[in-house]
């Protein structure tokens, strides 16, 4: 039943597989609430992990955390395994799981800096209009020209106050800045803080390489973002995932088509990404979905209704799993029709009717095969997961976090000198700076739960170093057109590390100096070239020049 180079999904009239070499052609999982989307996500995540492919997914309802514990023997799971001929291969075991949480409560904290976020994506997060977004771009430009690092919200608030106090001088040099507009941005920042945004901005920032851990026995890490609380601030959730997508696009080198992806990214509640999104942003999402395949990343959108995904993006999603949809209203009937028309027809049944008749844990499946051609849609019983159905207890989660390869790396925030401290020192007539504080490593203990030894640390220490890109000379003229001195220094340091055998493109820990340069570069990049196009490409969805 299990085949090399494939992820087994389930069986109907035949076994259904997702070919790993075509997994970076992206996919879609849809279906009404309670039809089994989360279990399908769990099954796919286990399959990718077993194949050595790291996974990132959001735990919206809290029950996906069970992937970190072995499943429990239950009659209905055994019956399902027997019904699809999977009894001999069915084993109960945990997937190697790393927990993340923007609020730092149910997983390792996830942080980035204000400069890393960029003015355009931050404008969407703050729900700013065009005029307010223009002022925020000016603020980022002032930060660059003044040499002020924007790391957290208090840095941005301090700089906004500075710009308002010096509105006349700023207007003369950069364009019109109204104090009322600055005040509106300040109020929106307060709302963001109340939603928990203050936890997201700061250091140490997330390193993309830490999402790509592989265990000692060759299994990929399943990175689970605790999103049950985060969903109370849906715009923050969508913006965070957009930022993560941009980081993946920017940091990972070009690799072309591989035998299996480097990382698979599940975007649950995908409709939040596109709700009220401007057309320019949707266009760039479509562009990145097309291009990130060459970085070895597969993106899988999970949502209730296929109408939630714009047609331009939907057309890029070749691997499809469709759970049941109901057709009681005209809009629901349209959704079922759209879903049915996206499949390659099966002469054995009517796809439209089948979608409305599917039971729980049953789906219509069509995967790319051969030369990336969609297979004929099949009515399929999804295989039972090997890990637990249902959430972990707090004690079990704590034990897994204590055994994580990243225990203590992100747990304590670092507040080094940045715009807030510099502007405060100027106001006080001093230039005294405080020294950065190294985060101490913390240890969590939790008795009563046995965590498997996945050999995280051994594998992490021996992780391969990415090779330098061979197209660097060809890129140089285009880079010189855009980059400033800080960016050139960053590139030269990166090349020097590659010459010494260090990391290139991704991997390794970022030094304080590198973080500072990267923060400055991000704030500069959004101002170069077309204000909208360049900011979207560089500040929102990664540099398309890289």
Protein backbone atom coordinates (compact mmCIF):
# COMPACT_ATOMS: atom_id res chain seq x y z
CA UNK A 1 0.00 0.00 0.00
CA UNK A 2 2.79 2.46 0.90
CA UNK A 3 4.99 3.35 -2.07
CA UNK A 4 8.37 5.06 -2.26
CA UNK A 5 8.21 8.70 -3.31
CA UNK A 6 4.48 9.01 -2.60
CA UNK A 7 2.14 10.00 0.24
CA UNK A 8 -0.75 7.59 0.68
CA UNK A 9 -4.07 9.43 1.15
CA UNK A 10 -6.74 6.74 1.09
CA UNK A 11 -8.56 4.33 -1.19
CA UNK A 12 -11.77 4.02 -3.15
CA UNK A 13 -11.83 1.97 -6.30
CA UNK A 14 -8.03 2.36 -6.20
CA UNK A 15 -5.39 3.70 -3.79
CA UNK A 16 -4.84 7.45 -4.02
CA UNK A 17 -1.34 8.93 -3.68
CA UNK A 18 0.26 12.35 -3.73
CA UNK A 19 3.52 12.13 -5.65
CA UNK A 20 6.29 13.93 -3.75
CA UNK A 21 7.97 15.19 -6.91
CA UNK A 22 4.71 16.99 -7.80
CA UNK A 23 3.85 18.14 -4.28
CA UNK A 24 5.36 21.59 -4.93
CA UNK A 25 2.63 22.19 -7.55
CA UNK A 26 0.43 23.21 -4.59
CA UNK A 27 -2.99 22.02 -3.54
CA UNK A 28 -6.42 22.70 -2.09
CA UNK A 29 -8.42 21.05 0.69
CA UNK A 30 -12.05 22.17 0.90
CA UNK A 31 -15.25 21.07 2.58
CA UNK A 32 -17.93 22.12 5.03
CA UNK A 33 -17.36 22.20 8.78
CA UNK A 34 -17.16 18.73 10.32
CA UNK A 35 -16.49 16.84 7.08
CA UNK A 36 -12.89 15.90 7.88
CA UNK A 37 -10.63 18.65 6.48
CA UNK A 38 -8.46 18.73 9.61
CA UNK A 39 -7.95 14.97 9.58
CA UNK A 40 -6.97 15.12 5.90
CA UNK A 41 -4.47 17.85 6.75
CA UNK A 42 -3.15 15.67 9.59
CA UNK A 43 -2.79 12.65 7.28
CA UNK A 44 -0.92 14.68 4.66
CA UNK A 45 1.34 16.26 7.31
CA UNK A 46 2.23 12.80 8.65
CA UNK A 47 2.95 11.55 5.15
CA UNK A 48 5.21 14.47 4.31
CA UNK A 49 7.01 14.12 7.65
CA UNK A 50 7.61 10.40 7.12
CA UNK A 51 9.11 11.27 3.71
CA UNK A 52 11.56 13.70 5.33
CA UNK A 53 9.68 16.87 4.31
CA UNK A 54 9.18 19.54 7.03
CA UNK A 55 5.65 20.93 7.35
CA UNK A 56 4.17 24.18 8.66
CA UNK A 57 0.49 24.33 9.55
CA UNK A 58 -1.87 26.33 11.74
CA UNK A 59 -3.93 24.71 14.49
CA UNK A 60 -7.08 26.81 14.25
CA UNK A 61 -9.36 24.78 16.52
CA UNK A 62 -6.69 23.34 18.85
CA UNK A 63 -7.19 19.69 17.92
CA UNK A 64 -4.31 19.43 15.44
CA UNK A 65 -1.85 19.39 18.35
CA UNK A 66 -2.62 15.67 18.72
CA UNK A 67 -0.23 15.02 15.85
CA UNK A 68 2.53 15.17 18.47
CA UNK A 69 1.27 12.05 20.29
CA UNK A 70 0.67 8.45 19.18
CA UNK A 71 -2.89 7.65 18.17
CA UNK A 72 -5.19 5.61 20.35
CA UNK A 73 -6.52 2.24 19.23
CA UNK A 74 -10.20 2.72 18.38
CA UNK A 75 -12.63 0.41 16.63
CA UNK A 76 -13.74 2.89 13.98
CA UNK A 77 -10.12 3.63 13.01
CA UNK A 78 -9.32 -0.06 12.72
CA UNK A 79 -12.47 -0.58 10.65
CA UNK A 80 -11.48 2.22 8.30
CA UNK A 81 -7.96 0.80 7.92
CA UNK A 82 -9.42 -2.64 7.18
CA UNK A 83 -11.97 -1.26 4.71
CA UNK A 84 -9.27 0.37 2.56
CA UNK A 85 -6.79 -2.49 2.85
CA UNK A 86 -4.41 -0.55 5.09
CA UNK A 87 -4.41 -2.80 8.17
CA UNK A 88 -0.92 -4.26 7.68
CA UNK A 89 0.77 -0.84 7.33
CA UNK A 90 -1.29 1.00 9.93
CA UNK A 91 0.86 1.96 12.93
CA UNK A 92 0.14 4.28 15.85
CA UNK A 93 2.96 6.77 16.39
CA UNK A 94 3.60 10.45 16.94
CA UNK A 95 4.98 12.84 14.38
CA UNK A 96 8.04 14.92 15.40
CA UNK A 97 6.29 18.15 16.34
CA UNK A 98 7.48 21.69 17.12
CA UNK A 99 4.92 24.10 18.57
CA UNK A 100 4.81 27.83 17.82
CA UNK A 101 2.64 30.62 19.18
CA UNK A 102 2.66 34.35 18.42
CA UNK A 103 1.72 34.94 22.06
CA UNK A 104 4.36 32.54 23.44
CA UNK A 105 1.81 30.60 25.50
CA UNK A 106 1.37 27.29 23.67
CA UNK A 107 4.61 27.19 21.72
CA UNK A 108 7.88 28.92 20.96
CA UNK A 109 7.30 32.66 20.40
CA UNK A 110 7.27 33.85 16.79
CA UNK A 111 8.65 37.32 16.26
CA UNK A 112 9.73 39.61 13.49
CA UNK A 113 10.72 43.26 13.42
CA UNK A 114 8.67 46.18 12.16
CA UNK A 115 11.26 46.75 9.44
CA UNK A 116 11.07 43.10 8.39
CA UNK A 117 7.30 43.43 8.03
CA UNK A 118 7.63 46.46 5.76
CA UNK A 119 5.30 49.45 5.36
CA UNK A 120 2.84 47.97 2.87
CA UNK A 121 2.05 44.78 4.78
CA UNK A 122 1.98 46.76 8.03
CA UNK A 123 -0.49 49.18 6.40
CA UNK A 124 -2.80 46.27 5.62
CA UNK A 125 -2.46 45.00 9.16
CA UNK A 126 -3.39 48.44 10.52
CA UNK A 127 -6.21 48.87 7.95
CA UNK A 128 -4.79 52.18 6.71
CA UNK A 129 -6.11 54.06 3.70
CA UNK A 130 -3.93 55.25 0.83
CA UNK A 131 -3.03 58.59 2.42
CA UNK A 132 -2.16 56.98 5.76
CA UNK A 133 -0.10 54.34 4.00
CA UNK A 134 1.83 57.13 2.26
CA UNK A 135 2.67 58.70 5.63
CA UNK A 136 3.81 55.32 6.96
CA UNK A 137 6.14 54.98 3.97
CA UNK A 138 7.58 58.39 4.82
CA UNK A 139 8.13 57.24 8.41
CA UNK A 140 10.10 54.23 7.18
CA UNK A 141 12.16 56.49 4.92
CA UNK A 142 12.92 58.83 7.82
CA UNK A 143 14.02 55.83 9.87
CA UNK A 144 16.41 54.83 7.11
CA UNK A 145 17.86 58.30 6.64
CA UNK A 146 18.22 58.84 10.40
CA UNK A 147 19.76 55.40 10.98
CA UNK A 148 16.96 54.35 13.34
CA UNK A 149 16.10 50.68 13.70
CA UNK A 150 12.40 49.83 13.80
CA UNK A 151 12.25 46.61 15.79
CA UNK A 152 9.07 46.71 17.86
CA UNK A 153 5.89 48.73 18.26
CA UNK A 154 7.38 51.20 20.74
CA UNK A 155 10.05 52.05 18.13
CA UNK A 156 7.40 52.80 15.54
CA UNK A 157 5.31 54.80 18.01
CA UNK A 158 8.34 56.87 19.03
CA UNK A 159 9.22 57.58 15.41
CA UNK A 160 5.64 58.54 14.58
CA UNK A 161 5.71 61.05 17.45
CA UNK A 162 9.06 62.36 16.21
CA UNK A 163 7.66 62.82 12.70
CA UNK A 164 4.56 64.60 14.04
CA UNK A 165 6.67 66.96 16.17
CA UNK A 166 8.83 67.78 13.15
CA UNK A 167 6.02 67.72 10.59
CA UNK A 168 7.10 70.93 8.83
CA UNK A 169 10.67 69.75 8.24
CA UNK A 170 9.54 66.27 7.23
CA UNK A 171 6.95 67.69 4.82
CA UNK A 172 9.60 69.85 3.17
CA UNK A 173 11.93 66.91 2.60
CA UNK A 174 9.63 63.93 2.03
CA UNK A 175 6.09 65.08 1.28
CA UNK A 176 3.00 66.20 3.14
CA UNK A 177 2.61 64.78 6.64
CA UNK A 178 -0.49 65.79 8.59
CA UNK A 179 -0.43 65.44 12.35
CA UNK A 180 -4.01 64.16 12.25
CA UNK A 181 -2.92 61.33 9.95
CA UNK A 182 -0.09 60.41 12.29
CA UNK A 183 -2.59 60.39 15.14
CA UNK A 184 -4.82 57.96 13.23
CA UNK A 185 -1.89 55.59 12.70
CA UNK A 186 -1.08 55.82 16.40
CA UNK A 187 -4.66 54.84 17.27
CA UNK A 188 -4.51 51.87 14.91
CA UNK A 189 -1.26 50.80 16.55
CA UNK A 190 -3.05 50.83 19.90
CA UNK A 191 -5.73 48.54 18.47
CA UNK A 192 -3.03 46.21 17.15
CA UNK A 193 -1.40 46.09 20.58
CA UNK A 194 -4.70 45.20 22.21
CA UNK A 195 -5.07 42.32 19.73
CA UNK A 196 -1.67 40.97 20.80
CA UNK A 197 0.44 42.47 18.03
CA UNK A 198 3.01 43.65 20.56
CA UNK A 199 4.09 40.02 21.06
CA UNK A 200 4.78 39.58 17.34
CA UNK A 201 7.21 42.46 16.89
CA UNK A 202 10.65 42.19 18.46
CA UNK A 203 13.73 40.00 18.65
CA UNK A 204 15.04 37.35 18.38
CA UNK A 205 13.28 37.04 15.05
CA UNK A 206 12.23 33.74 13.55
CA UNK A 207 14.82 32.04 11.36
CA UNK A 208 13.30 30.20 8.41
CA UNK A 209 15.85 27.41 8.80
CA UNK A 210 14.30 26.57 12.19
CA UNK A 211 11.11 25.56 10.38
CA UNK A 212 13.06 23.05 8.32
CA UNK A 213 14.35 20.69 11.00
CA UNK A 214 14.81 16.98 10.25
CA UNK A 215 15.10 14.31 12.93
CA UNK A 216 17.93 11.86 13.34
CA UNK A 217 15.90 9.13 11.60
CA UNK A 218 15.13 11.36 8.62
CA UNK A 219 11.60 12.54 9.45
CA UNK A 220 10.60 16.12 8.77
CA UNK A 221 9.44 18.37 11.60
CA UNK A 222 5.74 19.21 11.78
CA UNK A 223 5.60 22.86 12.85
CA UNK A 224 2.22 23.58 14.44
CA UNK A 225 1.17 27.21 15.02
CA UNK A 226 -1.30 27.61 17.88
CA UNK A 227 -3.92 29.76 16.18
CA UNK A 228 -7.04 29.30 18.31
CA UNK A 229 -6.40 32.59 20.15
CA UNK A 230 -4.85 34.21 17.09
CA UNK A 231 -8.09 33.70 15.14
CA UNK A 232 -9.70 36.32 17.37
CA UNK A 233 -7.58 38.80 15.39
CA UNK A 234 -8.06 37.42 11.85
CA UNK A 235 -6.19 40.23 10.12
CA UNK A 236 -3.13 39.58 12.30
CA UNK A 237 -3.38 35.87 11.45
CA UNK A 238 -3.55 36.50 7.69
CA UNK A 239 -0.80 39.11 7.81
CA UNK A 240 1.49 36.82 9.76
CA UNK A 241 1.08 34.02 7.22
CA UNK A 242 1.65 36.47 4.37
CA UNK A 243 4.84 37.62 6.04
CA UNK A 244 5.98 34.03 6.52
CA UNK A 245 5.28 33.30 2.87
CA UNK A 246 7.38 36.31 1.87
CA UNK A 247 10.23 35.18 4.12
CA UNK A 248 10.21 31.73 2.54
CA UNK A 249 10.24 33.24 -0.91
CA UNK A 250 13.05 35.66 -0.14
CA UNK A 251 15.34 33.44 1.92
CA UNK A 252 15.25 30.13 0.09
CA UNK A 253 17.50 29.64 -2.95
CA UNK A 254 16.29 28.51 -6.37
CA UNK A 255 16.37 24.72 -6.64
CA UNK A 256 14.00 23.87 -9.49
CA UNK A 257 12.03 20.63 -9.37
CA UNK A 258 13.24 18.23 -6.69
CA UNK A 259 12.34 14.65 -5.84
CA UNK A 260 10.46 16.06 -2.85
CA UNK A 261 9.73 19.56 -1.48
CA UNK A 262 11.94 21.32 1.03
CA UNK A 263 8.90 22.51 2.96
CA UNK A 264 5.12 22.21 2.70
CA UNK A 265 3.03 25.14 3.94
CA UNK A 266 -0.64 24.58 4.89
CA UNK A 267 -2.66 27.82 4.91
CA UNK A 268 -5.77 27.05 6.99
CA UNK A 269 -8.77 29.42 6.92
CA UNK A 270 -7.36 30.63 3.60
CA UNK A 271 -10.26 33.00 2.94
CA UNK A 272 -8.79 35.38 5.51
CA UNK A 273 -5.84 35.96 3.19
CA UNK A 274 -8.05 37.34 0.44
CA UNK A 275 -10.81 39.10 2.39
CA UNK A 276 -10.79 42.77 1.39
CA UNK A 277 -7.35 42.34 -0.17
CA UNK A 278 -6.55 44.87 -2.94
CA UNK A 279 -6.16 43.49 -6.46
CA UNK A 280 -2.45 44.34 -6.48
CA UNK A 281 -1.93 42.12 -3.44
CA UNK A 282 -3.94 39.24 -4.94
CA UNK A 283 -1.88 39.54 -8.13
CA UNK A 284 1.34 39.25 -6.17
CA UNK A 285 0.05 36.28 -4.19
CA UNK A 286 -0.73 34.62 -7.51
CA UNK A 287 2.75 35.46 -8.79
CA UNK A 288 4.46 34.04 -5.71
CA UNK A 289 2.33 30.89 -5.78
CA UNK A 290 3.64 30.38 -9.31
CA UNK A 291 7.27 31.15 -8.54
CA UNK A 292 7.78 29.68 -5.06
CA UNK A 293 7.53 26.20 -6.60
CA UNK A 294 11.08 26.69 -7.88
CA UNK A 295 12.17 27.29 -4.26
CA UNK A 296 11.01 23.78 -3.35
CA UNK A 297 7.97 24.95 -1.35
CA UNK A 298 4.47 23.52 -1.70
CA UNK A 299 1.48 25.64 -0.59
CA UNK A 300 -1.81 24.01 0.34
CA UNK A 301 -4.86 26.20 0.96
CA UNK A 302 -7.46 24.85 3.39
CA UNK A 303 -10.89 26.46 3.38
CA UNK A 304 -14.59 25.64 3.46
CA UNK A 305 -15.57 26.93 0.05
CA UNK A 306 -13.58 26.91 -3.21
CA UNK A 307 -15.13 30.31 -3.96
CA UNK A 308 -12.97 31.69 -1.12
CA UNK A 309 -9.93 31.42 -3.40
CA UNK A 310 -9.58 33.83 -6.36
CA UNK A 311 -9.74 32.07 -9.72
CA UNK A 312 -6.23 33.22 -10.64
CA UNK A 313 -4.83 31.47 -7.55
CA UNK A 314 -7.21 28.51 -7.76
CA UNK A 315 -5.84 27.71 -11.21
CA UNK A 316 -2.39 27.09 -9.69
CA UNK A 317 -3.58 24.41 -7.26
CA UNK A 318 -3.15 21.05 -8.97
CA UNK A 319 -3.64 18.62 -6.06
CA UNK A 320 -7.25 18.62 -4.85
CA UNK A 321 -9.12 17.02 -1.93
CA UNK A 322 -12.81 17.92 -1.82
CA UNK A 323 -14.87 16.98 1.22
CA UNK A 324 -18.64 17.32 1.38
CA UNK A 325 -20.42 20.56 0.58
CA UNK A 326 -24.09 21.25 1.06
CA UNK A 327 -26.23 22.91 -1.61
CA UNK A 328 -29.22 24.43 0.19
CA UNK A 329 -28.83 28.02 -1.02
CA UNK A 330 -28.02 29.48 -4.47
CA UNK A 331 -24.52 30.45 -3.32
CA UNK A 332 -23.89 26.96 -1.97
CA UNK A 333 -25.11 25.46 -5.24
CA UNK A 334 -22.71 27.72 -7.11
CA UNK A 335 -19.86 26.62 -4.85
CA UNK A 336 -20.62 22.95 -5.49
CA UNK A 337 -20.77 23.60 -9.22
CA UNK A 338 -17.43 25.42 -9.17
CA UNK A 339 -15.86 22.58 -7.18
CA UNK A 340 -17.27 19.93 -9.51
CA UNK A 341 -16.07 21.71 -12.65
CA UNK A 342 -12.47 21.89 -11.40
CA UNK A 343 -12.12 18.09 -11.42
CA UNK A 344 -11.31 15.84 -14.32
CA UNK A 345 -14.66 14.00 -14.74
CA UNK A 346 -15.13 10.37 -13.79
CA UNK A 347 -17.64 8.56 -16.06
CA UNK A 348 -18.63 6.37 -13.12
CA UNK A 349 -20.50 9.08 -11.19
CA UNK A 350 -21.76 12.66 -11.31
CA UNK A 351 -19.25 14.86 -9.52
CA UNK A 352 -21.78 17.53 -8.52
CA UNK A 353 -24.05 14.96 -6.88
CA UNK A 354 -21.16 13.11 -5.24
CA UNK A 355 -19.91 16.26 -3.49
CA UNK A 356 -23.26 16.68 -1.73
CA UNK A 357 -23.43 13.00 -0.73
CA UNK A 358 -19.97 12.48 0.75
CA UNK A 359 -19.84 11.23 4.32
CA UNK A 360 -17.48 12.27 7.11
CA UNK A 361 -13.92 11.21 6.31
CA UNK A 362 -14.78 10.69 2.64
CA UNK A 363 -13.59 12.97 -0.15
CA UNK A 364 -13.21 13.40 -3.87
CA UNK A 365 -9.50 13.22 -4.66
CA UNK A 366 -7.61 14.24 -7.78
CA UNK A 367 -3.82 14.42 -7.67
CA UNK A 368 -1.25 15.33 -10.28
CA UNK A 369 0.41 12.33 -11.85
CA UNK A 370 2.76 11.51 -14.71
CA UNK A 371 3.63 14.77 -16.47
CA UNK A 372 1.72 16.89 -13.95
CA UNK A 373 -1.67 15.89 -15.39
CA UNK A 374 -4.60 15.75 -12.93
CA UNK A 375 -5.89 12.25 -12.31
CA UNK A 376 -9.53 11.32 -12.88
CA UNK A 377 -11.44 12.27 -9.74
CA UNK A 378 -12.13 9.34 -7.40
CA UNK A 379 -14.44 8.95 -4.44
CA UNK A 380 -12.02 8.09 -1.61
CA UNK A 381 -12.08 7.01 2.02
CA UNK A 382 -9.30 8.96 3.77
CA UNK A 383 -6.87 6.77 5.70
CA UNK A 384 -6.87 7.00 9.52
CA UNK A 385 -4.02 9.09 10.97
CA UNK A 386 -1.25 7.40 12.97
CA UNK A 387 -1.20 10.20 15.53
CA UNK A 388 -3.91 11.20 17.99
CA UNK A 389 -7.28 12.52 16.95
CA UNK A 390 -7.86 15.40 19.36
CA UNK A 391 -5.76 17.88 21.32
CA UNK A 392 -2.83 17.32 23.67
CA UNK A 393 -3.09 18.20 27.33
CA UNK A 394 -1.14 21.18 28.64
CA UNK A 395 1.33 18.80 30.31
CA UNK A 396 1.93 16.86 27.10
CA UNK A 397 2.46 20.05 25.12
CA UNK A 398 4.91 21.35 27.73
CA UNK A 399 6.88 18.09 27.60
CA UNK A 400 7.20 18.30 23.83
CA UNK A 401 8.30 21.92 24.04
CA UNK A 402 10.97 21.00 26.62
CA UNK A 403 12.29 18.29 24.27
CA UNK A 404 12.17 20.58 21.23
CA UNK A 405 15.44 21.40 19.42
CA UNK A 406 14.52 25.08 19.85
CA UNK A 407 13.86 25.02 23.59
CA UNK A 408 15.17 28.31 25.00
CA UNK A 409 16.15 29.82 21.65
CA UNK A 410 13.16 32.15 21.28
CA UNK A 411 11.61 32.07 24.73
CA UNK A 412 13.05 35.35 26.06
CA UNK A 413 12.74 38.60 24.13
CA UNK A 414 15.82 40.76 23.47
CA UNK A 415 15.43 44.54 23.55
CA UNK A 416 18.49 46.15 22.02
CA UNK A 417 19.06 49.79 21.12
CA UNK A 418 16.71 50.97 18.43
CA UNK A 419 14.57 53.99 17.51
CA UNK A 420 12.88 54.26 20.90
CA UNK A 421 16.15 54.40 22.85
CA UNK A 422 17.89 56.70 20.36
CA UNK A 423 15.04 59.22 20.22
CA UNK A 424 14.66 59.13 24.00
CA UNK A 425 18.38 59.80 24.38
CA UNK A 426 18.16 62.71 21.95
CA UNK A 427 15.28 64.21 23.91
CA UNK A 428 17.30 63.89 27.11
CA UNK A 429 20.37 65.38 25.46
CA UNK A 430 22.40 62.16 25.82
CA UNK A 431 23.50 59.37 23.51
CA UNK A 432 23.80 56.63 26.06
CA UNK A 433 22.80 53.24 24.68
CA UNK A 434 21.99 50.13 26.60
CA UNK A 435 23.65 46.84 25.82
CA UNK A 436 21.65 44.03 24.21
CA UNK A 437 20.63 41.25 26.52
CA UNK A 438 21.24 37.65 25.48
CA UNK A 439 18.18 35.51 26.14
CA UNK A 440 18.80 32.84 28.77
CA UNK A 441 17.86 29.31 27.88
CA UNK A 442 14.87 28.07 29.79
CA UNK A 443 13.92 24.55 30.65
CA UNK A 444 10.42 23.22 30.92
CA UNK A 445 9.68 20.06 32.80
CA UNK A 446 6.55 17.96 32.64
CA UNK A 447 6.28 14.52 34.21
CA UNK A 448 3.94 11.79 33.05
CA UNK A 449 4.38 12.02 29.26
CA UNK A 450 7.03 10.06 27.43
CA UNK A 451 8.48 12.02 24.50
CA UNK A 452 10.17 9.96 21.77
CA UNK A 453 13.84 10.68 21.19
CA UNK A 454 13.87 11.99 17.64
CA UNK A 455 17.56 12.93 17.75
CA UNK A 456 16.80 16.59 17.03
CA UNK A 457 20.08 18.05 18.24
CA UNK A 458 22.27 15.56 16.42
CA UNK A 459 20.46 16.17 13.18
CA UNK A 460 20.49 19.92 13.63
CA UNK A 461 24.22 20.05 14.21
CA UNK A 462 24.86 18.08 11.04
CA UNK A 463 22.41 19.95 8.83
CA UNK A 464 23.83 20.45 5.32
CA UNK A 465 24.99 23.88 4.26
CA UNK A 466 23.16 25.23 1.20
CA UNK A 467 25.33 25.78 -1.83
CA UNK A 468 25.86 29.33 -3.17
CA UNK A 469 23.70 30.25 -6.12
CA UNK A 470 25.44 29.95 -9.47
CA UNK A 471 23.53 32.85 -11.06
CA UNK A 472 25.13 35.54 -8.86
CA UNK A 473 27.17 37.23 -11.68
CA UNK A 474 24.08 37.48 -13.87
CA UNK A 475 22.10 39.07 -11.04
CA UNK A 476 24.75 41.66 -10.21
CA UNK A 477 23.76 44.40 -12.69
CA UNK A 478 20.11 44.25 -11.57
CA UNK A 479 21.09 44.28 -7.92
CA UNK A 480 23.37 47.28 -8.33
CA UNK A 481 20.43 49.23 -9.70
CA UNK A 482 18.53 48.86 -6.42
CA UNK A 483 20.82 48.14 -3.52
CA UNK A 484 22.38 50.72 -1.26
CA UNK A 485 25.60 50.51 0.73
CA UNK A 486 24.01 48.59 3.59
CA UNK A 487 22.58 46.00 1.25
CA UNK A 488 25.89 45.61 -0.57
CA UNK A 489 27.64 45.02 2.76
CA UNK A 490 25.04 42.41 3.61
CA UNK A 491 25.58 40.63 0.29
CA UNK A 492 29.37 40.79 0.60
CA UNK A 493 29.25 39.35 4.13
CA UNK A 494 27.00 36.58 2.89
CA UNK A 495 29.43 35.76 0.05
CA UNK A 496 32.32 35.79 2.49
CA UNK A 497 30.51 33.32 4.75
CA UNK A 498 29.85 31.10 1.76
CA UNK A 499 33.56 31.20 0.87
CA UNK A 500 34.45 30.17 4.42
CA UNK A 501 31.93 27.33 4.24
CA UNK A 502 29.23 29.15 6.17
CA UNK A 503 25.55 29.49 5.42
CA UNK A 504 24.11 31.00 2.27
CA UNK A 505 20.51 31.84 1.59
CA UNK A 506 19.16 30.10 4.69
CA UNK A 507 20.34 28.26 7.77
CA UNK A 508 22.44 29.29 10.78
CA UNK A 509 21.72 31.85 13.45
CA UNK A 510 21.66 35.53 12.62
CA UNK A 511 24.09 37.78 14.45
CA UNK A 512 23.01 41.09 15.98
CA UNK A 513 24.90 42.97 13.25
CA UNK A 514 23.26 40.94 10.50
CA UNK A 515 19.85 41.52 12.04
CA UNK A 516 20.51 45.26 12.17
CA UNK A 517 21.61 45.40 8.52
CA UNK A 518 18.64 43.29 7.43
CA UNK A 519 16.24 45.57 9.32
CA UNK A 520 17.71 48.66 7.62
CA UNK A 521 17.63 47.00 4.21
CA UNK A 522 13.99 46.06 4.59
CA UNK A 523 12.98 49.62 5.45
CA UNK A 524 15.01 50.97 2.50
CA UNK A 525 13.80 48.45 -0.04
CA UNK A 526 10.18 49.52 0.15
CA UNK A 527 11.16 53.02 -0.99
CA UNK A 528 13.19 52.04 -4.07
CA UNK A 529 11.60 51.87 -7.51
CA UNK A 530 7.83 51.83 -7.84
CA UNK A 531 6.34 52.58 -4.43
CA UNK A 532 3.56 50.04 -4.81
CA UNK A 533 5.15 47.40 -7.03
CA UNK A 534 8.56 47.37 -5.34
CA UNK A 535 7.04 47.41 -1.83
CA UNK A 536 4.73 44.54 -2.68
CA UNK A 537 7.54 42.50 -4.16
CA UNK A 538 10.16 43.26 -1.53
CA UNK A 539 8.23 44.17 1.59
CA UNK A 540 5.23 41.85 1.27
CA UNK A 541 6.03 38.81 -0.79
CA UNK A 542 9.79 38.70 -0.96
CA UNK A 543 12.23 40.09 -3.47
CA UNK A 544 11.51 38.78 -6.95
CA UNK A 545 15.05 39.84 -7.84
CA UNK A 546 16.48 37.16 -5.57
